[in-house]
Protein backbone atom coordinates (compact mmCIF):
# COMPACT_ATOMS: atom_id res chain seq x y z
CA MET A 1 27.30 8.19 -26.22
CA PRO A 2 23.89 9.90 -26.76
CA GLN A 3 22.99 7.32 -29.42
CA ARG A 4 24.02 4.44 -27.15
CA LEU A 5 21.90 5.93 -24.37
CA GLY A 6 19.02 6.19 -26.82
CA PHE A 7 19.35 2.49 -27.73
CA VAL A 8 19.39 1.49 -24.06
CA SER A 9 16.37 3.68 -23.31
CA ALA A 10 14.39 2.25 -26.24
CA HIS A 11 15.13 -1.36 -25.24
CA ILE A 12 14.16 -0.69 -21.61
CA ALA A 13 10.94 0.90 -22.86
CA ALA A 14 10.21 -2.13 -25.07
CA PHE A 15 10.88 -4.48 -22.13
CA LEU A 16 8.59 -2.47 -19.85
CA PHE A 17 5.85 -2.40 -22.52
CA GLY A 18 6.20 -6.18 -22.83
CA LEU A 19 6.07 -6.59 -19.06
CA THR A 20 2.56 -5.12 -19.07
CA GLY A 21 1.01 -8.43 -20.10
CA VAL A 22 3.00 -10.37 -17.52
CA LEU A 23 1.88 -8.05 -14.73
CA GLY A 24 -1.70 -8.28 -15.99
CA ALA A 25 -1.49 -12.04 -15.48
CA LEU A 26 0.11 -11.71 -12.03
CA ILE A 27 -2.53 -9.32 -10.66
CA HIS A 28 -5.57 -11.10 -9.24
CA GLY A 29 -8.06 -8.45 -10.20
CA THR A 30 -10.62 -7.75 -12.89
CA PRO A 31 -9.54 -6.04 -16.13
CA VAL A 32 -11.41 -2.86 -15.18
CA ILE A 33 -9.64 -2.62 -11.81
CA ILE A 34 -6.26 -3.20 -13.44
CA THR A 35 -7.04 -0.55 -16.05
CA PHE A 36 -8.09 1.97 -13.40
CA GLY A 37 -5.10 1.21 -11.17
CA ARG A 38 -2.67 1.52 -14.07
CA ALA A 39 -4.08 4.92 -14.99
CA PHE A 40 -4.24 6.09 -11.35
CA PHE A 41 -0.60 5.37 -10.56
CA ALA A 42 0.47 6.73 -13.94
CA ILE A 43 -1.30 9.99 -13.10
CA LEU A 44 0.64 10.23 -9.83
CA ALA A 45 3.95 9.54 -11.54
CA LEU A 46 3.28 11.87 -14.46
CA GLY A 47 2.07 14.62 -12.14
CA ALA A 48 5.29 14.31 -10.12
CA ALA A 49 7.35 14.34 -13.33
CA ALA A 50 5.57 17.47 -14.55
CA PHE A 51 6.29 19.19 -11.21
CA LEU A 52 9.99 18.25 -11.26
CA LEU A 53 10.39 19.19 -14.93
CA ARG A 54 8.37 22.40 -14.39
CA ILE A 55 5.84 21.47 -17.08
CA SER A 56 2.47 23.18 -16.74
CA LEU A 57 -0.30 20.61 -17.02
CA ALA A 58 -2.83 23.33 -17.84
CA LYS A 59 -0.87 24.99 -20.66
CA ASN A 60 -2.71 25.09 -24.03
CA ILE A 61 -5.71 23.27 -22.55
CA ASN A 62 -8.97 24.50 -24.05
CA PHE A 63 -12.33 23.08 -25.11
CA ASN A 64 -11.01 21.70 -28.43
CA THR A 65 -8.00 20.01 -26.87
CA LEU A 66 -10.22 18.56 -24.14
CA LYS A 67 -12.48 16.99 -26.79
CA THR A 68 -9.45 15.44 -28.47
CA ILE A 69 -8.01 14.26 -25.16
CA PHE A 70 -11.34 12.69 -24.13
CA SER A 71 -11.66 10.80 -27.43
CA ALA A 72 -8.08 9.57 -27.22
CA GLY A 73 -8.53 8.65 -23.54
CA LEU A 74 -11.64 6.64 -24.41
CA ALA A 75 -9.70 4.72 -27.08
CA LEU A 76 -6.86 4.16 -24.61
CA ALA A 77 -9.29 2.84 -21.98
CA ILE A 78 -10.81 0.38 -24.47
CA HIS A 79 -7.33 -0.69 -25.58
CA TRP A 80 -6.15 -1.43 -22.04
CA PHE A 81 -9.42 -3.01 -20.88
CA THR A 82 -9.65 -5.43 -23.82
CA PHE A 83 -5.94 -6.22 -23.59
CA PHE A 84 -6.26 -7.30 -19.96
CA ILE A 85 -9.34 -9.37 -20.86
CA ALA A 86 -7.16 -11.06 -23.51
CA ILE A 87 -4.44 -11.72 -20.92
CA LYS A 88 -6.90 -13.22 -18.42
CA THR A 89 -8.60 -15.30 -21.10
CA GLY A 90 -5.86 -16.57 -23.40
CA GLY A 91 -2.53 -15.94 -21.69
CA VAL A 92 0.32 -13.52 -22.28
CA ALA A 93 1.73 -14.89 -25.53
CA VAL A 94 -1.57 -15.17 -27.41
CA ALA A 95 -2.87 -11.80 -26.17
CA THR A 96 0.37 -9.97 -27.01
CA LEU A 97 0.59 -11.41 -30.52
CA GLY A 98 -3.05 -10.50 -31.13
CA PHE A 99 -2.33 -6.93 -30.06
CA ALA A 100 0.77 -6.86 -32.30
CA SER A 101 -1.57 -6.80 -35.32
CA PHE A 102 -2.24 -3.09 -34.73
CA PRO A 103 0.01 -1.81 -37.58
CA ALA A 104 -2.32 -3.51 -40.06
CA PHE A 105 -5.31 -1.69 -38.58
CA ILE A 106 -3.41 1.60 -38.70
CA THR A 107 -2.86 1.07 -42.42
CA LEU A 108 -6.55 0.38 -43.01
CA LEU A 109 -7.73 3.30 -40.86
CA GLU A 110 -5.35 5.69 -42.60
CA TYR A 111 -6.78 4.49 -45.91
CA ILE A 112 -10.38 4.97 -44.76
CA PHE A 113 -10.16 8.22 -42.78
CA LEU A 114 -6.99 9.94 -44.03
CA LYS A 115 -7.47 8.84 -47.66
CA GLU A 116 -3.93 7.45 -47.89
CA SER A 117 -3.43 4.96 -50.71
CA ILE A 118 -2.52 1.33 -50.03
CA GLY A 119 0.09 -0.07 -52.41
CA LYS A 120 1.08 -3.65 -53.17
CA ARG A 121 3.62 -3.57 -50.36
CA GLU A 122 0.99 -2.59 -47.78
CA TRP A 123 -1.45 -5.26 -49.04
CA PHE A 124 1.33 -7.84 -48.74
CA LEU A 125 2.04 -6.77 -45.15
CA LEU A 126 -1.67 -6.96 -44.33
CA PHE A 127 -1.68 -10.50 -45.71
CA LEU A 128 1.34 -11.35 -43.54
CA VAL A 129 -0.51 -10.18 -40.44
CA LEU A 130 -3.65 -12.11 -41.38
CA PHE A 131 -1.70 -15.30 -42.11
CA GLY A 132 0.31 -14.83 -38.91
CA LEU A 133 -2.90 -14.56 -36.88
CA VAL A 134 -4.20 -17.75 -38.49
CA LEU A 135 -1.04 -19.57 -37.41
CA VAL A 136 -1.16 -18.09 -33.91
CA THR A 137 -4.81 -19.13 -33.42
CA PRO A 138 -4.61 -22.12 -31.02
CA SER A 139 -7.97 -23.63 -32.03
CA ALA A 140 -10.57 -23.29 -34.74
CA ASP A 141 -13.22 -23.27 -32.01
CA PRO A 142 -14.06 -19.61 -31.20
CA ALA A 143 -15.41 -20.76 -27.84
CA SER A 144 -11.98 -21.96 -26.65
CA ALA A 145 -10.26 -19.74 -24.10
CA SER A 146 -7.09 -19.30 -26.16
CA THR A 147 -8.94 -18.32 -29.31
CA ALA A 148 -11.15 -15.91 -27.36
CA GLY A 149 -8.00 -14.40 -25.86
CA LEU A 150 -6.55 -13.89 -29.34
CA ILE A 151 -9.76 -12.18 -30.50
CA TRP A 152 -9.69 -9.83 -27.52
CA GLY A 153 -6.03 -9.13 -28.26
CA VAL A 154 -6.87 -8.20 -31.85
CA ILE A 155 -9.68 -5.92 -30.60
CA SER A 156 -7.14 -4.29 -28.29
CA GLY A 157 -4.83 -3.79 -31.26
CA PHE A 158 -7.66 -2.18 -33.22
CA ALA A 159 -8.41 0.22 -30.35
CA PHE A 160 -4.74 1.15 -30.17
CA ALA A 161 -4.72 1.78 -33.93
CA VAL A 162 -7.73 4.09 -33.52
CA LEU A 163 -5.80 5.92 -30.79
CA ALA A 164 -2.70 6.28 -32.99
CA VAL A 165 -4.64 7.58 -36.01
CA MET A 166 -6.70 9.87 -33.79
CA ASN A 167 -3.56 11.40 -32.28
CA ARG A 168 -2.12 11.90 -35.75
CA LYS A 169 -5.26 13.46 -37.22
CA ASN A 170 -6.07 15.61 -34.20
CA ALA A 171 -2.58 16.47 -33.02
CA VAL A 172 -2.46 18.92 -30.14
CA HIS A 173 0.50 21.01 -29.06
CA LEU A 174 1.02 19.46 -25.65
CA ALA A 175 4.16 18.13 -23.98
CA PRO A 176 4.30 14.29 -23.95
CA VAL A 177 4.11 14.19 -20.14
CA GLN A 178 1.17 16.60 -20.21
CA LEU A 179 -0.71 14.68 -22.90
CA ALA A 180 -0.14 11.34 -21.16
CA PHE A 181 -1.33 12.82 -17.85
CA TRP A 182 -4.65 14.02 -19.27
CA GLN A 183 -5.31 10.84 -21.25
CA ASN A 184 -4.67 8.71 -18.18
CA LEU A 185 -6.98 10.99 -16.21
CA VAL A 186 -9.74 10.25 -18.72
CA VAL A 187 -9.09 6.50 -18.39
CA ALA A 188 -9.28 6.70 -14.60
CA ALA A 189 -12.50 8.74 -14.70
CA LEU A 190 -14.18 6.33 -17.14
CA THR A 191 -13.32 3.20 -15.16
CA LEU A 192 -13.76 4.56 -11.61
CA PRO A 193 -17.54 3.83 -11.35
CA PHE A 194 -16.96 0.11 -12.09
CA ILE A 195 -14.28 -0.81 -9.57
CA PHE A 196 -16.05 -0.69 -6.21
CA SER A 197 -17.72 -4.11 -6.31
CA ASP A 198 -14.41 -5.96 -6.70
CA ILE A 199 -11.72 -3.68 -5.27
CA GLY A 200 -12.01 -5.25 -1.82
CA HIS A 201 -10.86 -8.60 -3.22
CA LEU A 202 -7.39 -7.32 -4.09
CA ALA A 203 -4.48 -8.59 -1.99
CA PRO A 204 -1.65 -6.26 -0.87
CA ARG A 205 0.67 -7.70 -3.50
CA ASP A 206 -1.90 -6.86 -6.18
CA TYR A 207 -1.68 -3.19 -5.22
CA PHE A 208 2.10 -3.44 -5.46
CA TRP A 209 2.01 -4.95 -8.97
CA ILE A 210 -0.59 -2.38 -10.11
CA ALA A 211 1.69 0.40 -8.86
CA ILE A 212 4.61 -1.10 -10.81
CA LEU A 213 2.35 -1.33 -13.86
CA GLY A 214 1.28 2.30 -13.64
CA ILE A 215 4.60 3.88 -12.65
CA PHE A 216 7.15 1.85 -14.60
CA CYS A 217 5.25 0.16 -17.44
CA THR A 218 3.20 3.27 -18.25
CA ALA A 219 4.73 6.55 -17.05
CA LEU A 220 8.44 5.59 -17.19
CA SER A 221 8.18 3.51 -20.36
CA HIS A 222 6.50 6.33 -22.29
CA TYR A 223 9.11 8.81 -21.02
CA LEU A 224 11.97 6.52 -22.11
CA PHE A 225 10.31 6.07 -25.49
CA VAL A 226 10.14 9.83 -26.03
CA PHE A 227 13.67 10.27 -24.63
CA SER A 228 15.11 7.75 -27.12
CA LEU A 229 13.72 9.80 -29.99
CA ARG A 230 16.14 12.60 -29.09
CA SER A 231 19.11 10.60 -30.38
CA LEU A 232 17.50 7.92 -32.59
CA THR A 233 15.26 8.16 -35.63
CA ALA A 234 11.60 7.28 -35.24
CA ARG A 235 12.22 4.33 -37.57
CA THR A 236 15.02 2.91 -35.38
CA THR A 237 13.06 3.42 -32.18
CA GLY A 238 9.99 1.80 -33.75
CA LEU A 239 12.01 -1.27 -34.71
CA ILE A 240 13.15 -1.66 -31.11
CA ILE A 241 9.68 -1.08 -29.62
CA ALA A 242 8.32 -3.73 -32.02
CA LEU A 243 10.28 -6.27 -29.96
CA GLU A 244 7.69 -5.85 -27.19
CA PRO A 245 5.94 -9.18 -27.95
CA VAL A 246 9.30 -10.98 -27.89
CA TYR A 247 10.11 -9.68 -24.40
CA ALA A 248 6.58 -10.50 -23.21
CA ILE A 249 6.64 -14.07 -24.54
CA VAL A 250 10.12 -14.80 -23.12
CA VAL A 251 9.24 -13.48 -19.65
CA ALA A 252 5.89 -15.35 -19.66
CA TRP A 253 7.75 -18.51 -20.73
CA ILE A 254 10.10 -18.15 -17.75
CA ILE A 255 7.50 -17.20 -15.13
CA PHE A 256 4.35 -19.05 -16.23
CA ALA A 257 5.90 -21.83 -18.36
CA GLU A 258 3.81 -20.62 -21.33
CA GLU A 259 5.93 -22.36 -23.94
CA PRO A 260 5.00 -21.14 -27.44
CA THR A 261 4.31 -23.74 -30.11
CA LEU A 262 6.18 -23.81 -33.42
CA ARG A 263 3.10 -22.46 -35.21
CA MET A 264 2.85 -19.62 -32.72
CA ILE A 265 6.52 -18.75 -33.19
CA ILE A 266 6.19 -18.70 -36.99
CA GLY A 267 2.97 -16.67 -36.81
CA GLY A 268 4.58 -14.26 -34.38
CA ILE A 269 7.56 -13.80 -36.69
CA LEU A 270 5.21 -12.95 -39.57
CA ILE A 271 3.25 -10.42 -37.47
CA ILE A 272 6.37 -8.74 -36.09
CA THR A 273 7.97 -8.69 -39.56
CA ALA A 274 4.94 -6.85 -40.89
CA ALA A 275 5.18 -4.40 -37.98
CA VAL A 276 8.83 -3.51 -38.58
CA PHE A 277 8.84 -3.61 -42.39
CA PRO A 278 9.78 -0.22 -43.86
CA LYS A 279 6.79 1.81 -44.95
CA LYS A 280 7.03 3.17 -48.47
CA THR A 281 7.15 6.94 -48.63
């Protein structure tokens, strides 16, 4: 039963992660407003969760942890901001598949900064990602909206890879809810000065979708992800979370009629295969 609950939790988390792009397309707001709103509502939800779970948000917080949290929060802000630009520019499918290239960047960053060797297997997986991105690219013209969206998606994937490597290299002893709370607080603080010129243009339904994005697709999804690790291995959970682009593309197909081309499907399969391929230890 615990393992089954872990599987269900991981799949719900993957679906909610995938829903992020769909909500980004539904919200009629600028990427910076969406990024701020996502962080703001996540802070409220995580703060409430910390209160109910009796987790001290100030425990183990010092100058060194604050430096690490700020750096990670900056990377998270860039990741979200560029991802929503990709959504607005190229659509859900293209943006999500561009972001899905992040495992390749993690491999390269670990090689550069953590001095981890790259074997033939890793080079092959990097090639798969590169070839998959070539197939996913809608047009050879970099000025086209779809191609620009893919580029922004790849930049978002790179920022997420920086965040992942940074968290690994500068690990701090904080509870997941606590760490997420502080990182989202950094995101909100960084984006707050840039929202006032456009915030008045949001419709009531935009506030609703932003709240869903922050509470369910950020706070709840990360909690479910961590919860699934209690009964599943990190490898199994990672395989399930890697289905995020699949959920995103299917939902976007249903809601926005963004039907993926055969080339996009093949390219997506290559990128996702590289993401879930076992890493040699």
